[in-house]
Amino acid sequence: WQATQKISVTPAYVWTYTTYPGQNYNLQTQLVAPAGTELTDHQQNINLDVTYQVFDWLSIHPYARYQTRTSLVAAYRYNVSVVGLTLQARLPDR
């Protein structure tokens, strides 16, 4: 989304559902379970990028990322958050 000539905003969301046939796990023992039990995962990625072109030679880019994964196996679960800021200054061409 181009809010103004100097500001752009880019949101993104991805949800992934995955099954792993043949990956048989017992939820209590974390060991191989009887046939027919499948490992399933759900993963979500949420991103937000903003770019502000202050001048021709200066831009500011704040961003945020969030990822989460749920799984039948506790060791495969995680949550990650990242927030950052990029400043970019360019020298004039000579």
PDB file of N, CA and C in Angstrom:
ATOM      1  N   TRP A   1       0.841  -1.161   0.000  1.00  0.00           N
ATOM      2  CA  TRP A   1       0.000   0.000   0.000  1.00  0.00           C
ATOM      3  C   TRP A   1       0.887   1.224   0.000  1.00  0.00           C
ATOM      4  N   GLN A   2       0.690   2.106  -0.951  1.00  0.00           N
ATOM      5  CA  GLN A   2       1.456   3.343  -1.071  1.00  0.00           C
ATOM      6  C   GLN A   2       0.626   4.450  -0.431  1.00  0.00           C
ATOM      7  N   ALA A   3       0.860   4.717   0.865  1.00  0.00           N
ATOM      8  CA  ALA A   3       0.071   5.706   1.600  1.00  0.00           C
ATOM      9  C   ALA A   3       0.250   7.104   1.027  1.00  0.00           C
ATOM     10  N   THR A   4       1.490   7.481   0.762  1.00  0.00           N
ATOM     11  CA  THR A   4       1.811   8.762   0.123  1.00  0.00           C
ATOM     12  C   THR A   4       2.966   8.502  -0.826  1.00  0.00           C
ATOM     13  N   GLN A   5       3.461   9.547  -1.468  1.00  0.00           N
ATOM     14  CA  GLN A   5       4.623   9.361  -2.344  1.00  0.00           C
ATOM     15  C   GLN A   5       5.856   8.964  -1.550  1.00  0.00           C
ATOM     16  N   LYS A   6       5.889   9.294  -0.267  1.00  0.00           N
ATOM     17  CA  LYS A   6       7.067   9.016   0.548  1.00  0.00           C
ATOM     18  C   LYS A   6       6.903   7.833   1.500  1.00  0.00           C
ATOM     19  N   ILE A   7       5.691   7.376   1.699  1.00  0.00           N
ATOM     20  CA  ILE A   7       5.448   6.309   2.678  1.00  0.00           C
ATOM     21  C   ILE A   7       4.779   5.110   2.005  1.00  0.00           C
ATOM     22  N   SER A   8       5.374   3.929   2.206  1.00  0.00           N
ATOM     23  CA  SER A   8       4.742   2.692   1.742  1.00  0.00           C
ATOM     24  C   SER A   8       4.652   1.718   2.910  1.00  0.00           C
ATOM     25  N   VAL A   9       3.573   0.954   2.934  1.00  0.00           N
ATOM     26  CA  VAL A   9       3.325  -0.011   3.999  1.00  0.00           C
ATOM     27  C   VAL A   9       3.065  -1.372   3.350  1.00  0.00           C
ATOM     28  N   THR A  10       3.763  -2.399   3.844  1.00  0.00           N
ATOM     29  CA  THR A  10       3.613  -3.740   3.288  1.00  0.00           C
ATOM     30  C   THR A  10       3.318  -4.731   4.409  1.00  0.00           C
ATOM     31  N   PRO A  11       2.053  -5.100   4.586  1.00  0.00           N
ATOM     32  CA  PRO A  11       1.733  -6.149   5.557  1.00  0.00           C
ATOM     33  C   PRO A  11       1.717  -7.508   4.851  1.00  0.00           C
ATOM     34  N   ALA A  12       1.964  -8.565   5.622  1.00  0.00           N
ATOM     35  CA  ALA A  12       1.915  -9.916   5.050  1.00  0.00           C
ATOM     36  C   ALA A  12       1.530 -10.908   6.143  1.00  0.00           C
ATOM     37  N   TYR A  13       0.761 -11.918   5.737  1.00  0.00           N
ATOM     38  CA  TYR A  13       0.369 -12.986   6.655  1.00  0.00           C
ATOM     39  C   TYR A  13       0.369 -14.304   5.890  1.00  0.00           C
ATOM     40  N   VAL A  14       1.008 -15.313   6.473  1.00  0.00           N
ATOM     41  CA  VAL A  14       1.040 -16.643   5.868  1.00  0.00           C
ATOM     42  C   VAL A  14       0.719 -17.663   6.963  1.00  0.00           C
ATOM     43  N   TRP A  15      -0.219 -18.561   6.682  1.00  0.00           N
ATOM     44  CA  TRP A  15      -0.558 -19.648   7.592  1.00  0.00           C
ATOM     45  C   TRP A  15      -0.327 -20.942   6.846  1.00  0.00           C
ATOM     46  N   THR A  16       0.439 -21.841   7.457  1.00  0.00           N
ATOM     47  CA  THR A  16       0.768 -23.108   6.814  1.00  0.00           C
ATOM     48  C   THR A  16       0.371 -24.265   7.726  1.00  0.00           C
ATOM     49  N   TYR A  17      -0.367 -25.214   7.167  1.00  0.00           N
ATOM     50  CA  TYR A  17      -0.740 -26.436   7.871  1.00  0.00           C
ATOM     51  C   TYR A  17      -0.016 -27.575   7.179  1.00  0.00           C
ATOM     52  N   THR A  18       0.734 -28.343   7.947  1.00  0.00           N
ATOM     53  CA  THR A  18       1.541 -29.405   7.360  1.00  0.00           C
ATOM     54  C   THR A  18       1.296 -30.716   8.103  1.00  0.00           C
ATOM     55  N   THR A  19       1.169 -31.798   7.343  1.00  0.00           N
ATOM     56  CA  THR A  19       1.149 -33.132   7.935  1.00  0.00           C
ATOM     57  C   THR A  19       2.327 -33.913   7.380  1.00  0.00           C
ATOM     58  N   TYR A  20       2.886 -34.755   8.217  1.00  0.00           N
ATOM     59  CA  TYR A  20       4.029 -35.571   7.827  1.00  0.00           C
ATOM     60  C   TYR A  20       3.622 -37.043   7.919  1.00  0.00           C
ATOM     61  N   PRO A  21       3.143 -37.615   6.826  1.00  0.00           N
ATOM     62  CA  PRO A  21       2.742 -39.028   6.848  1.00  0.00           C
ATOM     63  C   PRO A  21       3.928 -39.920   7.208  1.00  0.00           C
ATOM     64  N   GLY A  22       3.650 -40.909   8.016  1.00  0.00           N
ATOM     65  CA  GLY A  22       4.709 -41.839   8.396  1.00  0.00           C
ATOM     66  C   GLY A  22       5.539 -41.362   9.569  1.00  0.00           C
ATOM     67  N   GLN A  23       5.336 -40.141  10.030  1.00  0.00           N
ATOM     68  CA  GLN A  23       6.041 -39.630  11.201  1.00  0.00           C
ATOM     69  C   GLN A  23       5.147 -39.878  12.408  1.00  0.00           C
ATOM     70  N   ASN A  24       5.230 -41.040  12.973  1.00  0.00           N
ATOM     71  CA  ASN A  24       4.326 -41.480  14.031  1.00  0.00           C
ATOM     72  C   ASN A  24       4.906 -41.144  15.403  1.00  0.00           C
ATOM     73  N   TYR A  25       4.214 -40.295  16.154  1.00  0.00           N
ATOM     74  CA  TYR A  25       4.681 -39.878  17.472  1.00  0.00           C
ATOM     75  C   TYR A  25       3.629 -40.142  18.530  1.00  0.00           C
ATOM     76  N   ASN A  26       4.086 -40.575  19.689  1.00  0.00           N
ATOM     77  CA  ASN A  26       3.240 -40.674  20.861  1.00  0.00           C
ATOM     78  C   ASN A  26       3.390 -39.362  21.618  1.00  0.00           C
ATOM     79  N   LEU A  27       2.287 -38.653  21.868  1.00  0.00           N
ATOM     80  CA  LEU A  27       2.361 -37.317  22.458  1.00  0.00           C
ATOM     81  C   LEU A  27       2.925 -37.323  23.872  1.00  0.00           C
ATOM     82  N   GLN A  28       2.719 -38.385  24.634  1.00  0.00           N
ATOM     83  CA  GLN A  28       3.195 -38.426  26.013  1.00  0.00           C
ATOM     84  C   GLN A  28       4.691 -38.754  26.089  1.00  0.00           C
ATOM     85  N   THR A  29       5.132 -39.733  25.343  1.00  0.00           N
ATOM     86  CA  THR A  29       6.518 -40.199  25.460  1.00  0.00           C
ATOM     87  C   THR A  29       7.446 -39.566  24.430  1.00  0.00           C
ATOM     88  N   GLN A  30       6.890 -38.894  23.414  1.00  0.00           N
ATOM     89  CA  GLN A  30       7.663 -38.322  22.309  1.00  0.00           C
ATOM     90  C   GLN A  30       8.409 -39.399  21.523  1.00  0.00           C
ATOM     91  N   LEU A  31       7.939 -40.646  21.619  1.00  0.00           N
ATOM     92  CA  LEU A  31       8.546 -41.755  20.887  1.00  0.00           C
ATOM     93  C   LEU A  31       7.609 -42.196  19.773  1.00  0.00           C
ATOM     94  N   VAL A  32       8.091 -43.092  18.939  1.00  0.00           N
ATOM     95  CA  VAL A  32       7.293 -43.577  17.812  1.00  0.00           C
ATOM     96  C   VAL A  32       6.010 -44.220  18.335  1.00  0.00           C
ATOM     97  N   ALA A  33       4.885 -43.859  17.746  1.00  0.00           N
ATOM     98  CA  ALA A  33       3.562 -44.353  18.138  1.00  0.00           C
ATOM     99  C   ALA A  33       3.069 -45.353  17.097  1.00  0.00           C
ATOM    100  N   PRO A  34       1.921 -45.953  17.333  1.00  0.00           N
ATOM    101  CA  PRO A  34       1.384 -46.905  16.362  1.00  0.00           C
ATOM    102  C   PRO A  34       1.141 -46.261  15.000  1.00  0.00           C
ATOM    103  N   ALA A  35       1.169 -47.070  13.977  1.00  0.00           N
ATOM    104  CA  ALA A  35       0.933 -46.586  12.614  1.00  0.00           C
ATOM    105  C   ALA A  35      -0.417 -45.874  12.537  1.00  0.00           C
ATOM    106  N   GLY A  36      -0.477 -44.867  11.707  1.00  0.00           N
ATOM    107  CA  GLY A  36      -1.708 -44.109  11.539  1.00  0.00           C
ATOM    108  C   GLY A  36      -1.703 -42.787  12.286  1.00  0.00           C
ATOM    109  N   THR A  37      -0.769 -42.599  13.217  1.00  0.00           N
ATOM    110  CA  THR A  37      -0.633 -41.334  13.928  1.00  0.00           C
ATOM    111  C   THR A  37       0.321 -40.459  13.125  1.00  0.00           C
ATOM    112  N   GLU A  38      -0.136 -39.292  12.703  1.00  0.00           N
ATOM    113  CA  GLU A  38       0.698 -38.405  11.886  1.00  0.00           C
ATOM    114  C   GLU A  38       1.145 -37.191  12.690  1.00  0.00           C
ATOM    115  N   LEU A  39       2.312 -36.699  12.373  1.00  0.00           N
ATOM    116  CA  LEU A  39       2.799 -35.457  12.937  1.00  0.00           C
ATOM    117  C   LEU A  39       2.168 -34.309  12.156  1.00  0.00           C
ATOM    118  N   THR A  40       1.586 -33.329  12.848  1.00  0.00           N
ATOM    119  CA  THR A  40       1.014 -32.153  12.179  1.00  0.00           C
ATOM    120  C   THR A  40       1.592 -30.894  12.801  1.00  0.00           C
ATOM    121  N   ASP A  41       1.808 -29.892  11.969  1.00  0.00           N
ATOM    122  CA  ASP A  41       2.333 -28.599  12.395  1.00  0.00           C
ATOM    123  C   ASP A  41       1.459 -27.490  11.829  1.00  0.00           C
ATOM    124  N   HIS A  42       1.363 -26.394  12.566  1.00  0.00           N
ATOM    125  CA  HIS A  42       0.727 -25.161  12.084  1.00  0.00           C
ATOM    126  C   HIS A  42       1.755 -24.061  12.257  1.00  0.00           C
ATOM    127  N   GLN A  43       2.013 -23.317  11.219  1.00  0.00           N
ATOM    128  CA  GLN A  43       2.980 -22.223  11.301  1.00  0.00           C
ATOM    129  C   GLN A  43       2.331 -20.943  10.803  1.00  0.00           C
ATOM    130  N   GLN A  44       2.587 -19.835  11.521  1.00  0.00           N
ATOM    131  CA  GLN A  44       2.075 -18.526  11.124  1.00  0.00           C
ATOM    132  C   GLN A  44       3.238 -17.547  11.030  1.00  0.00           C
ATOM    133  N   ASN A  45       3.247 -16.752   9.980  1.00  0.00           N
ATOM    134  CA  ASN A  45       4.224 -15.685   9.800  1.00  0.00           C
ATOM    135  C   ASN A  45       3.461 -14.388   9.572  1.00  0.00           C
ATOM    136  N   ILE A  46       3.761 -13.387  10.382  1.00  0.00           N
ATOM    137  CA  ILE A  46       3.131 -12.078  10.256  1.00  0.00           C
ATOM    138  C   ILE A  46       4.247 -11.057  10.094  1.00  0.00           C
ATOM    139  N   ASN A  47       4.181 -10.248   9.039  1.00  0.00           N
ATOM    140  CA  ASN A  47       5.211  -9.247   8.757  1.00  0.00           C
ATOM    141  C   ASN A  47       4.575  -7.887   8.516  1.00  0.00           C
ATOM    142  N   LEU A  48       5.271  -6.852   8.945  1.00  0.00           N
ATOM    143  CA  LEU A  48       4.851  -5.488   8.650  1.00  0.00           C
ATOM    144  C   LEU A  48       6.093  -4.672   8.345  1.00  0.00           C
ATOM    145  N   ASP A  49       6.129  -4.090   7.152  1.00  0.00           N
ATOM    146  CA  ASP A  49       7.235  -3.238   6.721  1.00  0.00           C
ATOM    147  C   ASP A  49       6.696  -1.859   6.380  1.00  0.00           C
ATOM    148  N   VAL A  50       7.396  -0.834   6.824  1.00  0.00           N
ATOM    149  CA  VAL A  50       7.057   0.546   6.484  1.00  0.00           C
ATOM    150  C   VAL A  50       8.321   1.191   5.940  1.00  0.00           C
ATOM    151  N   THR A  51       8.208   1.873   4.829  1.00  0.00           N
ATOM    152  CA  THR A  51       9.338   2.599   4.268  1.00  0.00           C
ATOM    153  C   THR A  51       8.960   4.067   4.135  1.00  0.00           C
ATOM    154  N   TYR A  52       9.792   4.915   4.701  1.00  0.00           N
ATOM    155  CA  TYR A  52       9.582   6.356   4.634  1.00  0.00           C
ATOM    156  C   TYR A  52      10.778   6.983   3.937  1.00  0.00           C
ATOM    157  N   GLN A  53      10.565   7.508   2.744  1.00  0.00           N
ATOM    158  CA  GLN A  53      11.620   8.143   1.962  1.00  0.00           C
ATOM    159  C   GLN A  53      11.648   9.617   2.354  1.00  0.00           C
ATOM    160  N   VAL A  54      12.469   9.958   3.358  1.00  0.00           N
ATOM    161  CA  VAL A  54      12.512  11.310   3.909  1.00  0.00           C
ATOM    162  C   VAL A  54      12.980  12.299   2.846  1.00  0.00           C
ATOM    163  N   PHE A  55      14.128  12.003   2.254  1.00  0.00           N
ATOM    164  CA  PHE A  55      14.699  12.791   1.161  1.00  0.00           C
ATOM    165  C   PHE A  55      15.140  11.812   0.079  1.00  0.00           C
ATOM    166  N   ASP A  56      15.601  12.313  -1.056  1.00  0.00           N
ATOM    167  CA  ASP A  56      16.118  11.418  -2.099  1.00  0.00           C
ATOM    168  C   ASP A  56      17.285  10.586  -1.570  1.00  0.00           C
ATOM    169  N   TRP A  57      18.021  11.121  -0.632  1.00  0.00           N
ATOM    170  CA  TRP A  57      19.225  10.471  -0.143  1.00  0.00           C
ATOM    171  C   TRP A  57      19.038   9.764   1.210  1.00  0.00           C
ATOM    172  N   LEU A  58      17.858   9.860   1.838  1.00  0.00           N
ATOM    173  CA  LEU A  58      17.645   9.278   3.161  1.00  0.00           C
ATOM    174  C   LEU A  58      16.313   8.539   3.238  1.00  0.00           C
ATOM    175  N   SER A  59      16.369   7.277   3.686  1.00  0.00           N
ATOM    176  CA  SER A  59      15.142   6.513   3.909  1.00  0.00           C
ATOM    177  C   SER A  59      15.193   5.843   5.282  1.00  0.00           C
ATOM    178  N   ILE A  60      13.998   5.672   5.860  1.00  0.00           N
ATOM    179  CA  ILE A  60      13.843   5.020   7.153  1.00  0.00           C
ATOM    180  C   ILE A  60      12.906   3.830   6.945  1.00  0.00           C
ATOM    181  N   HIS A  61      13.304   2.682   7.488  1.00  0.00           N
ATOM    182  CA  HIS A  61      12.539   1.459   7.252  1.00  0.00           C
ATOM    183  C   HIS A  61      12.343   0.696   8.567  1.00  0.00           C
ATOM    184  N   PRO A  62      11.274   0.974   9.318  1.00  0.00           N
ATOM    185  CA  PRO A  62      10.963   0.129  10.476  1.00  0.00           C
ATOM    186  C   PRO A  62      10.241  -1.143  10.019  1.00  0.00           C
ATOM    187  N   TYR A  63      10.470  -2.232  10.746  1.00  0.00           N
ATOM    188  CA  TYR A  63       9.821  -3.480  10.384  1.00  0.00           C
ATOM    189  C   TYR A  63       9.566  -4.325  11.636  1.00  0.00           C
ATOM    190  N   ALA A  64       8.614  -5.240  11.520  1.00  0.00           N
ATOM    191  CA  ALA A  64       8.292  -6.170  12.598  1.00  0.00           C
ATOM    192  C   ALA A  64       7.969  -7.524  11.991  1.00  0.00           C
ATOM    193  N   ARG A  65       8.404  -8.580  12.674  1.00  0.00           N
ATOM    194  CA  ARG A  65       8.161  -9.953  12.240  1.00  0.00           C
ATOM    195  C   ARG A  65       7.701 -10.759  13.453  1.00  0.00           C
ATOM    196  N   TYR A  66       6.733 -11.628  13.248  1.00  0.00           N
ATOM    197  CA  TYR A  66       6.302 -12.552  14.296  1.00  0.00           C
ATOM    198  C   TYR A  66       6.073 -13.911  13.650  1.00  0.00           C
ATOM    199  N   GLN A  67       6.662 -14.935  14.227  1.00  0.00           N
ATOM    200  CA  GLN A  67       6.491 -16.296  13.735  1.00  0.00           C
ATOM    201  C   GLN A  67       6.118 -17.191  14.902  1.00  0.00           C
ATOM    202  N   THR A  68       5.208 -18.098  14.662  1.00  0.00           N
ATOM    203  CA  THR A  68       4.845 -19.084  15.668  1.00  0.00           C
ATOM    204  C   THR A  68       4.616 -20.426  14.985  1.00  0.00           C
ATOM    205  N   ARG A  69       4.965 -21.475  15.704  1.00  0.00           N
ATOM    206  CA  ARG A  69       4.757 -22.820  15.175  1.00  0.00           C
ATOM    207  C   ARG A  69       4.201 -23.683  16.307  1.00  0.00           C
ATOM    208  N   THR A  70       3.111 -24.362  16.039  1.00  0.00           N
ATOM    209  CA  THR A  70       2.576 -25.341  16.975  1.00  0.00           C
ATOM    210  C   THR A  70       2.764 -26.710  16.348  1.00  0.00           C
ATOM    211  N   SER A  71       3.039 -27.671  17.202  1.00  0.00           N
ATOM    212  CA  SER A  71       3.312 -29.016  16.718  1.00  0.00           C
ATOM    213  C   SER A  71       2.851 -30.013  17.768  1.00  0.00           C
ATOM    214  N   LEU A  72       2.594 -31.234  17.341  1.00  0.00           N
ATOM    215  CA  LEU A  72       2.287 -32.297  18.291  1.00  0.00           C
ATOM    216  C   LEU A  72       3.506 -32.640  19.140  1.00  0.00           C
ATOM    217  N   VAL A  73       4.694 -32.337  18.646  1.00  0.00           N
ATOM    218  CA  VAL A  73       5.940 -32.584  19.371  1.00  0.00           C
ATOM    219  C   VAL A  73       6.373 -31.277  20.030  1.00  0.00           C
ATOM    220  N   ALA A  74       6.454 -31.272  21.341  1.00  0.00           N
ATOM    221  CA  ALA A  74       6.760 -30.047  22.085  1.00  0.00           C
ATOM    222  C   ALA A  74       8.084 -29.415  21.665  1.00  0.00           C
ATOM    223  N   ALA A  75       9.071 -30.208  21.339  1.00  0.00           N
ATOM    224  CA  ALA A  75      10.390 -29.681  20.963  1.00  0.00           C
ATOM    225  C   ALA A  75      10.355 -28.886  19.659  1.00  0.00           C
ATOM    226  N   TYR A  76       9.307 -29.067  18.845  1.00  0.00           N
ATOM    227  CA  TYR A  76       9.215 -28.376  17.559  1.00  0.00           C
ATOM    228  C   TYR A  76       8.425 -27.071  17.645  1.00  0.00           C
ATOM    229  N   ARG A  77       7.894 -26.718  18.807  1.00  0.00           N
ATOM    230  CA  ARG A  77       7.100 -25.496  18.966  1.00  0.00           C
ATOM    231  C   ARG A  77       8.008 -24.300  19.227  1.00  0.00           C
ATOM    232  N   TYR A  78       7.617 -23.140  18.690  1.00  0.00           N
ATOM    233  CA  TYR A  78       8.381 -21.930  18.983  1.00  0.00           C
ATOM    234  C   TYR A  78       7.554 -20.686  18.683  1.00  0.00           C
ATOM    235  N   ASN A  79       8.002 -19.565  19.255  1.00  0.00           N
ATOM    236  CA  ASN A  79       7.488 -18.222  18.981  1.00  0.00           C
ATOM    237  C   ASN A  79       8.690 -17.311  18.834  1.00  0.00           C
ATOM    238  N   VAL A  80       8.697 -16.477  17.803  1.00  0.00           N
ATOM    239  CA  VAL A  80       9.806 -15.565  17.559  1.00  0.00           C
ATOM    240  C   VAL A  80       9.251 -14.198  17.208  1.00  0.00           C
ATOM    241  N   SER A  81       9.808 -13.166  17.819  1.00  0.00           N
ATOM    242  CA  SER A  81       9.441 -11.779  17.483  1.00  0.00           C
ATOM    243  C   SER A  81      10.703 -11.003  17.146  1.00  0.00           C
ATOM    244  N   VAL A  82      10.642 -10.229  16.080  1.00  0.00           N
ATOM    245  CA  VAL A  82      11.765  -9.397  15.671  1.00  0.00           C
ATOM    246  C   VAL A  82      11.231  -8.016  15.329  1.00  0.00           C
ATOM    247  N   VAL A  83      11.871  -6.994  15.863  1.00  0.00           N
ATOM    248  CA  VAL A  83      11.535  -5.612  15.537  1.00  0.00           C
ATOM    249  C   VAL A  83      12.838  -4.929  15.169  1.00  0.00           C
ATOM    250  N   GLY A  84      12.837  -4.150  14.103  1.00  0.00           N
ATOM    251  CA  GLY A  84      14.076  -3.512  13.679  1.00  0.00           C
ATOM    252  C   GLY A  84      13.840  -2.191  12.978  1.00  0.00           C
ATOM    253  N   LEU A  85      14.950  -1.513  12.749  1.00  0.00           N
ATOM    254  CA  LEU A  85      14.925  -0.222  12.067  1.00  0.00           C
ATOM    255  C   LEU A  85      16.159  -0.134  11.188  1.00  0.00           C
ATOM    256  N   THR A  86      15.946   0.163   9.911  1.00  0.00           N
ATOM    257  CA  THR A  86      17.043   0.359   8.978  1.00  0.00           C
ATOM    258  C   THR A  86      17.041   1.811   8.522  1.00  0.00           C
ATOM    259  N   LEU A  87      18.182   2.456   8.657  1.00  0.00           N
ATOM    260  CA  LEU A  87      18.365   3.807   8.115  1.00  0.00           C
ATOM    261  C   LEU A  87      19.326   3.698   6.949  1.00  0.00           C
ATOM    262  N   GLN A  88      18.972   4.308   5.837  1.00  0.00           N
ATOM    263  CA  GLN A  88      19.843   4.237   4.658  1.00  0.00           C
ATOM    264  C   GLN A  88      20.079   5.652   4.149  1.00  0.00           C
ATOM    265  N   ALA A  89      21.358   6.028   4.108  1.00  0.00           N
ATOM    266  CA  ALA A  89      21.752   7.333   3.569  1.00  0.00           C
ATOM    267  C   ALA A  89      22.680   7.098   2.380  1.00  0.00           C
ATOM    268  N   ARG A  90      22.444   7.820   1.296  1.00  0.00           N
ATOM    269  CA  ARG A  90      23.249   7.669   0.088  1.00  0.00           C
ATOM    270  C   ARG A  90      23.974   8.972  -0.210  1.00  0.00           C
ATOM    271  N   LEU A  91      25.233   8.833  -0.565  1.00  0.00           N
ATOM    272  CA  LEU A  91      25.994  10.009  -0.985  1.00  0.00           C
ATOM    273  C   LEU A  91      25.615  10.364  -2.412  1.00  0.00           C
ATOM    274  N   PRO A  92      25.619  11.646  -2.753  1.00  0.00           N
ATOM    275  CA  PRO A  92      25.270  12.017  -4.123  1.00  0.00           C
ATOM    276  C   PRO A  92      26.296  11.484  -5.127  1.00  0.00           C
ATOM    277  N   ASP A  93      25.831  11.159  -6.325  1.00  0.00           N
ATOM    278  CA  ASP A  93      26.727  10.697  -7.386  1.00  0.00           C
ATOM    279  C   ASP A  93      27.618  11.837  -7.827  1.00  0.00           C
ATOM    280  N   ARG A  94      28.888  11.511  -8.018  1.00  0.00           N
ATOM    281  CA  ARG A  94      29.853  12.520  -8.512  1.00  0.00           C
ATOM    282  C   ARG A  94      30.726  11.902  -9.560  1.00  0.00           C
TER     283      ARG A  94
END
